[in-house]
């Protein structure tokens, strides 16, 4: 039934030899994101959600996150590509 590679306006879907569907895209900073699913609708839903979050810059965290945990998360995941001196300055000012 599914023996083709599906292209859709710059987004890439394919079916692998093991029968799983692969959905992938590139983020704004050109990082490659890919995930595998059992059905094509699952892959399309994940891709739509991921692209929406990418466009709207959602940061998904737990609701019981403390300020200390948030700062650690922010340093490690959001501003991690800044210069080491800048990160050190942020850490010194926080403490």
PDB file of N, CA and C in Angstrom:
ATOM      1  N   UNK A   1       0.814  -1.182   0.000  1.00  0.00           N
ATOM      2  CA  UNK A   1       0.000   0.000   0.000  1.00  0.00           C
ATOM      3  C   UNK A   1       0.869   1.261   0.000  1.00  0.00           C
ATOM      4  N   UNK A   2       1.797   1.358   0.981  1.00  0.00           N
ATOM      5  CA  UNK A   2       2.688   2.500   1.017  1.00  0.00           C
ATOM      6  C   UNK A   2       4.046   2.075   0.490  1.00  0.00           C
ATOM      7  N   UNK A   3       4.341   2.354  -0.750  1.00  0.00           N
ATOM      8  CA  UNK A   3       5.627   1.986  -1.301  1.00  0.00           C
ATOM      9  C   UNK A   3       6.329   3.184  -1.920  1.00  0.00           C
ATOM     10  N   UNK A   4       5.898   4.382  -1.589  1.00  0.00           N
ATOM     11  CA  UNK A   4       6.486   5.588  -2.154  1.00  0.00           C
ATOM     12  C   UNK A   4       7.054   6.460  -1.043  1.00  0.00           C
ATOM     13  N   UNK A   5       7.863   7.400  -1.443  1.00  0.00           N
ATOM     14  CA  UNK A   5       8.328   8.432  -0.523  1.00  0.00           C
ATOM     15  C   UNK A   5       7.396   9.619  -0.704  1.00  0.00           C
ATOM     16  N   UNK A   6       6.906  10.162   0.400  1.00  0.00           N
ATOM     17  CA  UNK A   6       5.935  11.250   0.345  1.00  0.00           C
ATOM     18  C   UNK A   6       6.630  12.590   0.561  1.00  0.00           C
ATOM     19  N   UNK A   7       6.492  13.502  -0.388  1.00  0.00           N
ATOM     20  CA  UNK A   7       7.035  14.845  -0.263  1.00  0.00           C
ATOM     21  C   UNK A   7       5.866  15.807  -0.124  1.00  0.00           C
ATOM     22  N   UNK A   8       5.996  16.803   0.730  1.00  0.00           N
ATOM     23  CA  UNK A   8       4.909  17.749   0.922  1.00  0.00           C
ATOM     24  C   UNK A   8       5.476  19.120   1.255  1.00  0.00           C
ATOM     25  N   UNK A   9       5.626  19.964   0.314  1.00  0.00           N
ATOM     26  CA  UNK A   9       6.051  21.354   0.484  1.00  0.00           C
ATOM     27  C   UNK A   9       7.246  21.476   1.436  1.00  0.00           C
ATOM     28  N   UNK A  10       8.336  20.890   1.088  1.00  0.00           N
ATOM     29  CA  UNK A  10       9.546  21.015   1.883  1.00  0.00           C
ATOM     30  C   UNK A  10       9.619  20.095   3.092  1.00  0.00           C
ATOM     31  N   UNK A  11       8.558  19.411   3.408  1.00  0.00           N
ATOM     32  CA  UNK A  11       8.563  18.473   4.530  1.00  0.00           C
ATOM     33  C   UNK A  11       8.784  17.081   3.970  1.00  0.00           C
ATOM     34  N   UNK A  12       9.400  16.229   4.724  1.00  0.00           N
ATOM     35  CA  UNK A  12       9.800  14.935   4.193  1.00  0.00           C
ATOM     36  C   UNK A  12       9.224  13.804   5.019  1.00  0.00           C
ATOM     37  N   UNK A  13       8.465  12.937   4.354  1.00  0.00           N
ATOM     38  CA  UNK A  13       7.946  11.711   4.956  1.00  0.00           C
ATOM     39  C   UNK A  13       8.447  10.543   4.126  1.00  0.00           C
ATOM     40  N   UNK A  14       8.787   9.459   4.793  1.00  0.00           N
ATOM     41  CA  UNK A  14       9.122   8.250   4.050  1.00  0.00           C
ATOM     42  C   UNK A  14       8.742   7.039   4.870  1.00  0.00           C
ATOM     43  N   UNK A  15       8.612   5.924   4.195  1.00  0.00           N
ATOM     44  CA  UNK A  15       8.355   4.672   4.899  1.00  0.00           C
ATOM     45  C   UNK A  15       9.650   3.866   4.863  1.00  0.00           C
ATOM     46  N   UNK A  16      10.028   3.370   6.016  1.00  0.00           N
ATOM     47  CA  UNK A  16      11.267   2.632   6.126  1.00  0.00           C
ATOM     48  C   UNK A  16      11.047   1.154   5.798  1.00  0.00           C
ATOM     49  N   UNK A  17      12.123   0.427   5.656  1.00  0.00           N
ATOM     50  CA  UNK A  17      12.025  -0.988   5.339  1.00  0.00           C
ATOM     51  C   UNK A  17      11.335  -1.781   6.439  1.00  0.00           C
ATOM     52  N   UNK A  18      11.431  -1.314   7.679  1.00  0.00           N
ATOM     53  CA  UNK A  18      10.779  -2.015   8.785  1.00  0.00           C
ATOM     54  C   UNK A  18       9.310  -1.635   8.929  1.00  0.00           C
ATOM     55  N   UNK A  19       8.779  -0.800   8.023  1.00  0.00           N
ATOM     56  CA  UNK A  19       7.369  -0.449   8.028  1.00  0.00           C
ATOM     57  C   UNK A  19       7.019   0.803   8.816  1.00  0.00           C
ATOM     58  N   UNK A  20       7.994   1.402   9.482  1.00  0.00           N
ATOM     59  CA  UNK A  20       7.726   2.620  10.231  1.00  0.00           C
ATOM     60  C   UNK A  20       7.787   3.834   9.303  1.00  0.00           C
ATOM     61  N   UNK A  21       7.012   4.847   9.652  1.00  0.00           N
ATOM     62  CA  UNK A  21       7.031   6.097   8.904  1.00  0.00           C
ATOM     63  C   UNK A  21       8.014   7.048   9.555  1.00  0.00           C
ATOM     64  N   UNK A  22       8.793   7.709   8.747  1.00  0.00           N
ATOM     65  CA  UNK A  22       9.764   8.677   9.217  1.00  0.00           C
ATOM     66  C   UNK A  22       9.264  10.074   8.847  1.00  0.00           C
ATOM     67  N   UNK A  23       9.282  10.971   9.827  1.00  0.00           N
ATOM     68  CA  UNK A  23       8.954  12.372   9.581  1.00  0.00           C
ATOM     69  C   UNK A  23      10.160  13.189  10.016  1.00  0.00           C
ATOM     70  N   UNK A  24      10.585  14.129   9.173  1.00  0.00           N
ATOM     71  CA  UNK A  24      11.736  14.939   9.531  1.00  0.00           C
ATOM     72  C   UNK A  24      11.624  16.347   8.978  1.00  0.00           C
ATOM     73  N   UNK A  25      12.337  17.243   9.620  1.00  0.00           N
ATOM     74  CA  UNK A  25      12.378  18.627   9.172  1.00  0.00           C
ATOM     75  C   UNK A  25      13.623  19.289   9.754  1.00  0.00           C
ATOM     76  N   UNK A  26      13.911  20.487   9.291  1.00  0.00           N
ATOM     77  CA  UNK A  26      15.027  21.266   9.811  1.00  0.00           C
ATOM     78  C   UNK A  26      14.489  22.456  10.588  1.00  0.00           C
ATOM     79  N   UNK A  27      15.092  22.728  11.737  1.00  0.00           N
ATOM     80  CA  UNK A  27      14.679  23.854  12.562  1.00  0.00           C
ATOM     81  C   UNK A  27      15.229  25.150  11.969  1.00  0.00           C
ATOM     82  N   UNK A  28      14.879  26.274  12.600  1.00  0.00           N
ATOM     83  CA  UNK A  28      15.357  27.574  12.129  1.00  0.00           C
ATOM     84  C   UNK A  28      16.877  27.650  12.138  1.00  0.00           C
ATOM     85  N   UNK A  29      17.492  27.008  13.114  1.00  0.00           N
ATOM     86  CA  UNK A  29      18.958  27.031  13.190  1.00  0.00           C
ATOM     87  C   UNK A  29      19.589  25.835  12.467  1.00  0.00           C
ATOM     88  N   UNK A  30      18.845  25.255  11.537  1.00  0.00           N
ATOM     89  CA  UNK A  30      19.296  24.187  10.646  1.00  0.00           C
ATOM     90  C   UNK A  30      19.691  22.893  11.354  1.00  0.00           C
ATOM     91  N   UNK A  31      19.047  22.616  12.474  1.00  0.00           N
ATOM     92  CA  UNK A  31      19.238  21.328  13.136  1.00  0.00           C
ATOM     93  C   UNK A  31      18.202  20.349  12.596  1.00  0.00           C
ATOM     94  N   UNK A  32      18.625  19.113  12.416  1.00  0.00           N
ATOM     95  CA  UNK A  32      17.784  18.072  11.837  1.00  0.00           C
ATOM     96  C   UNK A  32      16.976  17.389  12.939  1.00  0.00           C
ATOM     97  N   UNK A  33      15.648  17.351  12.780  1.00  0.00           N
ATOM     98  CA  UNK A  33      14.772  16.664  13.731  1.00  0.00           C
ATOM     99  C   UNK A  33      14.074  15.528  12.987  1.00  0.00           C
ATOM    100  N   UNK A  34      14.045  14.343  13.592  1.00  0.00           N
ATOM    101  CA  UNK A  34      13.427  13.187  12.943  1.00  0.00           C
ATOM    102  C   UNK A  34      12.820  12.282  14.000  1.00  0.00           C
ATOM    103  N   UNK A  35      11.690  11.677  13.643  1.00  0.00           N
ATOM    104  CA  UNK A  35      11.022  10.748  14.553  1.00  0.00           C
ATOM    105  C   UNK A  35      10.304   9.691  13.709  1.00  0.00           C
ATOM    106  N   UNK A  36      10.081   8.508  14.303  1.00  0.00           N
ATOM    107  CA  UNK A  36       9.470   7.381  13.598  1.00  0.00           C
ATOM    108  C   UNK A  36       8.123   7.038  14.205  1.00  0.00           C
ATOM    109  N   UNK A  37       7.177   6.629  13.339  1.00  0.00           N
ATOM    110  CA  UNK A  37       5.812   6.343  13.764  1.00  0.00           C
ATOM    111  C   UNK A  37       5.283   5.119  13.044  1.00  0.00           C
ATOM    112  N   UNK A  38       4.235   4.523  13.619  1.00  0.00           N
ATOM    113  CA  UNK A  38       3.627   3.346  13.012  1.00  0.00           C
ATOM    114  C   UNK A  38       2.682   3.707  11.870  1.00  0.00           C
ATOM    115  N   UNK A  39       2.088   4.896  11.916  1.00  0.00           N
ATOM    116  CA  UNK A  39       1.159   5.294  10.857  1.00  0.00           C
ATOM    117  C   UNK A  39       1.536   6.661  10.303  1.00  0.00           C
ATOM    118  N   UNK A  40       1.129   6.917   9.073  1.00  0.00           N
ATOM    119  CA  UNK A  40       1.384   8.203   8.444  1.00  0.00           C
ATOM    120  C   UNK A  40       0.650   9.348   9.146  1.00  0.00           C
ATOM    121  N   UNK A  41      -0.612   9.188   9.575  1.00  0.00           N
ATOM    122  CA  UNK A  41      -1.266  10.285  10.305  1.00  0.00           C
ATOM    123  C   UNK A  41      -0.535  10.679  11.595  1.00  0.00           C
ATOM    124  N   UNK A  42       0.027   9.707  12.317  1.00  0.00           N
ATOM    125  CA  UNK A  42       0.797  10.025  13.519  1.00  0.00           C
ATOM    126  C   UNK A  42       2.015  10.878  13.153  1.00  0.00           C
ATOM    127  N   UNK A  43       2.678  10.503  12.078  1.00  0.00           N
ATOM    128  CA  UNK A  43       3.853  11.255  11.629  1.00  0.00           C
ATOM    129  C   UNK A  43       3.463  12.674  11.222  1.00  0.00           C
ATOM    130  N   UNK A  44       2.357  12.809  10.499  1.00  0.00           N
ATOM    131  CA  UNK A  44       1.908  14.134  10.071  1.00  0.00           C
ATOM    132  C   UNK A  44       1.519  14.993  11.267  1.00  0.00           C
ATOM    133  N   UNK A  45       0.857  14.401  12.261  1.00  0.00           N
ATOM    134  CA  UNK A  45       0.469  15.150  13.456  1.00  0.00           C
ATOM    135  C   UNK A  45       1.695  15.622  14.243  1.00  0.00           C
ATOM    136  N   UNK A  46       2.668  14.734  14.421  1.00  0.00           N
ATOM    137  CA  UNK A  46       3.884  15.126  15.132  1.00  0.00           C
ATOM    138  C   UNK A  46       4.586  16.259  14.402  1.00  0.00           C
ATOM    139  N   UNK A  47       4.680  16.135  13.087  1.00  0.00           N
ATOM    140  CA  UNK A  47       5.372  17.148  12.312  1.00  0.00           C
ATOM    141  C   UNK A  47       4.653  18.491  12.390  1.00  0.00           C
ATOM    142  N   UNK A  48       3.344  18.471  12.311  1.00  0.00           N
ATOM    143  CA  UNK A  48       2.579  19.718  12.418  1.00  0.00           C
ATOM    144  C   UNK A  48       2.768  20.349  13.793  1.00  0.00           C
ATOM    145  N   UNK A  49       2.727  19.543  14.853  1.00  0.00           N
ATOM    146  CA  UNK A  49       2.927  20.059  16.207  1.00  0.00           C
ATOM    147  C   UNK A  49       4.342  20.616  16.396  1.00  0.00           C
ATOM    148  N   UNK A  50       5.323  19.882  15.904  1.00  0.00           N
ATOM    149  CA  UNK A  50       6.713  20.313  16.053  1.00  0.00           C
ATOM    150  C   UNK A  50       6.966  21.616  15.297  1.00  0.00           C
ATOM    151  N   UNK A  51       6.432  21.724  14.094  1.00  0.00           N
ATOM    152  CA  UNK A  51       6.617  22.944  13.306  1.00  0.00           C
ATOM    153  C   UNK A  51       5.897  24.124  13.959  1.00  0.00           C
ATOM    154  N   UNK A  52       4.717  23.883  14.527  1.00  0.00           N
ATOM    155  CA  UNK A  52       3.981  24.945  15.213  1.00  0.00           C
ATOM    156  C   UNK A  52       4.781  25.452  16.417  1.00  0.00           C
ATOM    157  N   UNK A  53       5.315  24.523  17.209  1.00  0.00           N
ATOM    158  CA  UNK A  53       6.126  24.904  18.364  1.00  0.00           C
ATOM    159  C   UNK A  53       7.377  25.663  17.922  1.00  0.00           C
ATOM    160  N   UNK A  54       7.969  25.232  16.816  1.00  0.00           N
ATOM    161  CA  UNK A  54       9.165  25.904  16.290  1.00  0.00           C
ATOM    162  C   UNK A  54       8.838  27.342  15.883  1.00  0.00           C
ATOM    163  N   UNK A  55       7.714  27.532  15.223  1.00  0.00           N
ATOM    164  CA  UNK A  55       7.338  28.883  14.770  1.00  0.00           C
ATOM    165  C   UNK A  55       6.960  29.797  15.923  1.00  0.00           C
ATOM    166  N   UNK A  56       6.378  29.235  16.967  1.00  0.00           N
ATOM    167  CA  UNK A  56       5.896  30.058  18.075  1.00  0.00           C
ATOM    168  C   UNK A  56       6.805  30.009  19.302  1.00  0.00           C
ATOM    169  N   UNK A  57       7.956  29.359  19.167  1.00  0.00           N
ATOM    170  CA  UNK A  57       8.979  29.329  20.217  1.00  0.00           C
ATOM    171  C   UNK A  57       8.449  28.874  21.575  1.00  0.00           C
ATOM    172  N   UNK A  58       7.698  27.795  21.582  1.00  0.00           N
ATOM    173  CA  UNK A  58       7.219  27.243  22.840  1.00  0.00           C
ATOM    174  C   UNK A  58       8.363  26.590  23.596  1.00  0.00           C
ATOM    175  N   UNK A  59       8.363  26.780  24.891  1.00  0.00           N
ATOM    176  CA  UNK A  59       9.307  26.096  25.754  1.00  0.00           C
ATOM    177  C   UNK A  59       8.473  25.229  26.689  1.00  0.00           C
ATOM    178  N   UNK A  60       8.593  23.943  26.536  1.00  0.00           N
ATOM    179  CA  UNK A  60       7.774  23.016  27.306  1.00  0.00           C
ATOM    180  C   UNK A  60       8.519  22.639  28.577  1.00  0.00           C
ATOM    181  N   UNK A  61       7.923  22.961  29.704  1.00  0.00           N
ATOM    182  CA  UNK A  61       8.517  22.635  30.998  1.00  0.00           C
ATOM    183  C   UNK A  61       7.429  22.084  31.903  1.00  0.00           C
ATOM    184  N   UNK A  62       7.845  21.539  33.023  1.00  0.00           N
ATOM    185  CA  UNK A  62       6.865  21.023  33.971  1.00  0.00           C
ATOM    186  C   UNK A  62       6.276  22.181  34.780  1.00  0.00           C
ATOM    187  N   UNK A  63       5.026  22.072  35.194  1.00  0.00           N
ATOM    188  CA  UNK A  63       4.394  23.167  35.932  1.00  0.00           C
ATOM    189  C   UNK A  63       4.955  23.377  37.339  1.00  0.00           C
ATOM    190  N   UNK A  64       5.627  22.378  37.874  1.00  0.00           N
ATOM    191  CA  UNK A  64       6.183  22.530  39.225  1.00  0.00           C
ATOM    192  C   UNK A  64       7.679  22.859  39.207  1.00  0.00           C
ATOM    193  N   UNK A  65       8.166  23.405  38.105  1.00  0.00           N
ATOM    194  CA  UNK A  65       9.581  23.736  37.981  1.00  0.00           C
ATOM    195  C   UNK A  65       9.933  24.943  38.860  1.00  0.00           C
ATOM    196  N   UNK A  66      11.019  24.810  39.602  1.00  0.00           N
ATOM    197  CA  UNK A  66      11.469  25.914  40.451  1.00  0.00           C
ATOM    198  C   UNK A  66      12.301  26.887  39.619  1.00  0.00           C
ATOM    199  N   UNK A  67      12.583  28.037  40.189  1.00  0.00           N
ATOM    200  CA  UNK A  67      13.396  29.039  39.491  1.00  0.00           C
ATOM    201  C   UNK A  67      14.805  28.508  39.270  1.00  0.00           C
ATOM    202  N   UNK A  68      15.356  27.803  40.231  1.00  0.00           N
ATOM    203  CA  UNK A  68      16.689  27.223  40.064  1.00  0.00           C
ATOM    204  C   UNK A  68      16.721  26.210  38.916  1.00  0.00           C
ATOM    205  N   UNK A  69      15.719  25.352  38.873  1.00  0.00           N
ATOM    206  CA  UNK A  69      15.655  24.361  37.786  1.00  0.00           C
ATOM    207  C   UNK A  69      15.449  25.051  36.447  1.00  0.00           C
ATOM    208  N   UNK A  70      14.618  26.104  36.438  1.00  0.00           N
ATOM    209  CA  UNK A  70      14.388  26.840  35.186  1.00  0.00           C
ATOM    210  C   UNK A  70      15.678  27.494  34.720  1.00  0.00           C
ATOM    211  N   UNK A  71      16.438  28.096  35.623  1.00  0.00           N
ATOM    212  CA  UNK A  71      17.695  28.731  35.241  1.00  0.00           C
ATOM    213  C   UNK A  71      18.661  27.709  34.650  1.00  0.00           C
ATOM    214  N   UNK A  72      18.764  26.554  35.290  1.00  0.00           N
ATOM    215  CA  UNK A  72      19.626  25.494  34.771  1.00  0.00           C
ATOM    216  C   UNK A  72      19.166  25.053  33.380  1.00  0.00           C
ATOM    217  N   UNK A  73      17.864  24.858  33.220  1.00  0.00           N
ATOM    218  CA  UNK A  73      17.319  24.482  31.912  1.00  0.00           C
ATOM    219  C   UNK A  73      17.619  25.557  30.875  1.00  0.00           C
ATOM    220  N   UNK A  74      17.436  26.817  31.236  1.00  0.00           N
ATOM    221  CA  UNK A  74      17.648  27.943  30.332  1.00  0.00           C
ATOM    222  C   UNK A  74      19.100  28.004  29.882  1.00  0.00           C
ATOM    223  N   UNK A  75      20.020  27.844  30.830  1.00  0.00           N
ATOM    224  CA  UNK A  75      21.450  27.873  30.503  1.00  0.00           C
ATOM    225  C   UNK A  75      21.831  26.707  29.594  1.00  0.00           C
ATOM    226  N   UNK A  76      21.327  25.517  29.883  1.00  0.00           N
ATOM    227  CA  UNK A  76      21.735  24.318  29.148  1.00  0.00           C
ATOM    228  C   UNK A  76      21.044  24.162  27.800  1.00  0.00           C
ATOM    229  N   UNK A  77      19.825  24.691  27.644  1.00  0.00           N
ATOM    230  CA  UNK A  77      19.062  24.416  26.432  1.00  0.00           C
ATOM    231  C   UNK A  77      18.725  25.624  25.569  1.00  0.00           C
ATOM    232  N   UNK A  78      18.636  26.788  26.158  1.00  0.00           N
ATOM    233  CA  UNK A  78      18.169  27.934  25.387  1.00  0.00           C
ATOM    234  C   UNK A  78      19.309  28.858  24.992  1.00  0.00           C
ATOM    235  N   UNK A  79      20.171  29.194  25.930  1.00  0.00           N
ATOM    236  CA  UNK A  79      21.281  30.085  25.615  1.00  0.00           C
ATOM    237  C   UNK A  79      22.608  29.328  25.542  1.00  0.00           C
ATOM    238  N   UNK A  80      22.559  28.050  25.297  1.00  0.00           N
ATOM    239  CA  UNK A  80      23.748  27.206  25.332  1.00  0.00           C
ATOM    240  C   UNK A  80      24.759  27.547  24.241  1.00  0.00           C
ATOM    241  N   UNK A  81      24.328  28.193  23.166  1.00  0.00           N
ATOM    242  CA  UNK A  81      25.252  28.483  22.072  1.00  0.00           C
ATOM    243  C   UNK A  81      25.882  29.869  22.170  1.00  0.00           C
ATOM    244  N   UNK A  82      25.700  30.550  23.299  1.00  0.00           N
ATOM    245  CA  UNK A  82      26.352  31.841  23.512  1.00  0.00           C
ATOM    246  C   UNK A  82      27.808  31.637  23.910  1.00  0.00           C
ATOM    247  N   UNK A  83      28.548  32.715  23.919  1.00  0.00           N
ATOM    248  CA  UNK A  83      29.955  32.651  24.297  1.00  0.00           C
ATOM    249  C   UNK A  83      30.087  32.193  25.752  1.00  0.00           C
ATOM    250  N   UNK A  84      31.116  31.435  26.059  1.00  0.00           N
ATOM    251  CA  UNK A  84      31.294  30.951  27.432  1.00  0.00           C
ATOM    252  C   UNK A  84      31.343  32.085  28.463  1.00  0.00           C
ATOM    253  N   UNK A  85      31.938  33.213  28.104  1.00  0.00           N
ATOM    254  CA  UNK A  85      32.008  34.329  29.028  1.00  0.00           C
ATOM    255  C   UNK A  85      30.611  34.889  29.322  1.00  0.00           C
ATOM    256  N   UNK A  86      29.760  34.945  28.335  1.00  0.00           N
ATOM    257  CA  UNK A  86      28.390  35.431  28.528  1.00  0.00           C
ATOM    258  C   UNK A  86      27.629  34.508  29.469  1.00  0.00           C
ATOM    259  N   UNK A  87      27.749  33.213  29.268  1.00  0.00           N
ATOM    260  CA  UNK A  87      27.076  32.240  30.139  1.00  0.00           C
ATOM    261  C   UNK A  87      27.610  32.359  31.565  1.00  0.00           C
ATOM    262  N   UNK A  88      28.924  32.519  31.708  1.00  0.00           N
ATOM    263  CA  UNK A  88      29.511  32.692  33.033  1.00  0.00           C
ATOM    264  C   UNK A  88      28.964  33.948  33.705  1.00  0.00           C
ATOM    265  N   UNK A  89      28.833  35.037  32.936  1.00  0.00           N
ATOM    266  CA  UNK A  89      28.272  36.271  33.493  1.00  0.00           C
ATOM    267  C   UNK A  89      26.833  36.067  33.960  1.00  0.00           C
ATOM    268  N   UNK A  90      26.029  35.346  33.165  1.00  0.00           N
ATOM    269  CA  UNK A  90      24.638  35.057  33.566  1.00  0.00           C
ATOM    270  C   UNK A  90      24.621  34.272  34.878  1.00  0.00           C
ATOM    271  N   UNK A  91      25.490  33.262  34.973  1.00  0.00           N
ATOM    272  CA  UNK A  91      25.528  32.435  36.179  1.00  0.00           C
ATOM    273  C   UNK A  91      25.964  33.246  37.399  1.00  0.00           C
ATOM    274  N   UNK A  92      26.949  34.116  37.236  1.00  0.00           N
ATOM    275  CA  UNK A  92      27.406  34.935  38.364  1.00  0.00           C
ATOM    276  C   UNK A  92      26.332  35.916  38.814  1.00  0.00           C
ATOM    277  N   UNK A  93      25.600  36.488  37.896  1.00  0.00           N
ATOM    278  CA  UNK A  93      24.567  37.448  38.251  1.00  0.00           C
ATOM    279  C   UNK A  93      23.357  36.768  38.881  1.00  0.00           C
ATOM    280  N   UNK A  94      23.105  35.536  38.495  1.00  0.00           N
ATOM    281  CA  UNK A  94      21.975  34.814  39.073  1.00  0.00           C
ATOM    282  C   UNK A  94      22.244  34.468  40.535  1.00  0.00           C
ATOM    283  N   UNK A  95      23.462  34.066  40.827  1.00  0.00           N
ATOM    284  CA  UNK A  95      23.803  33.643  42.203  1.00  0.00           C
ATOM    285  C   UNK A  95      23.967  34.835  43.041  1.00  0.00           C
TER     286      UNK A  95
END
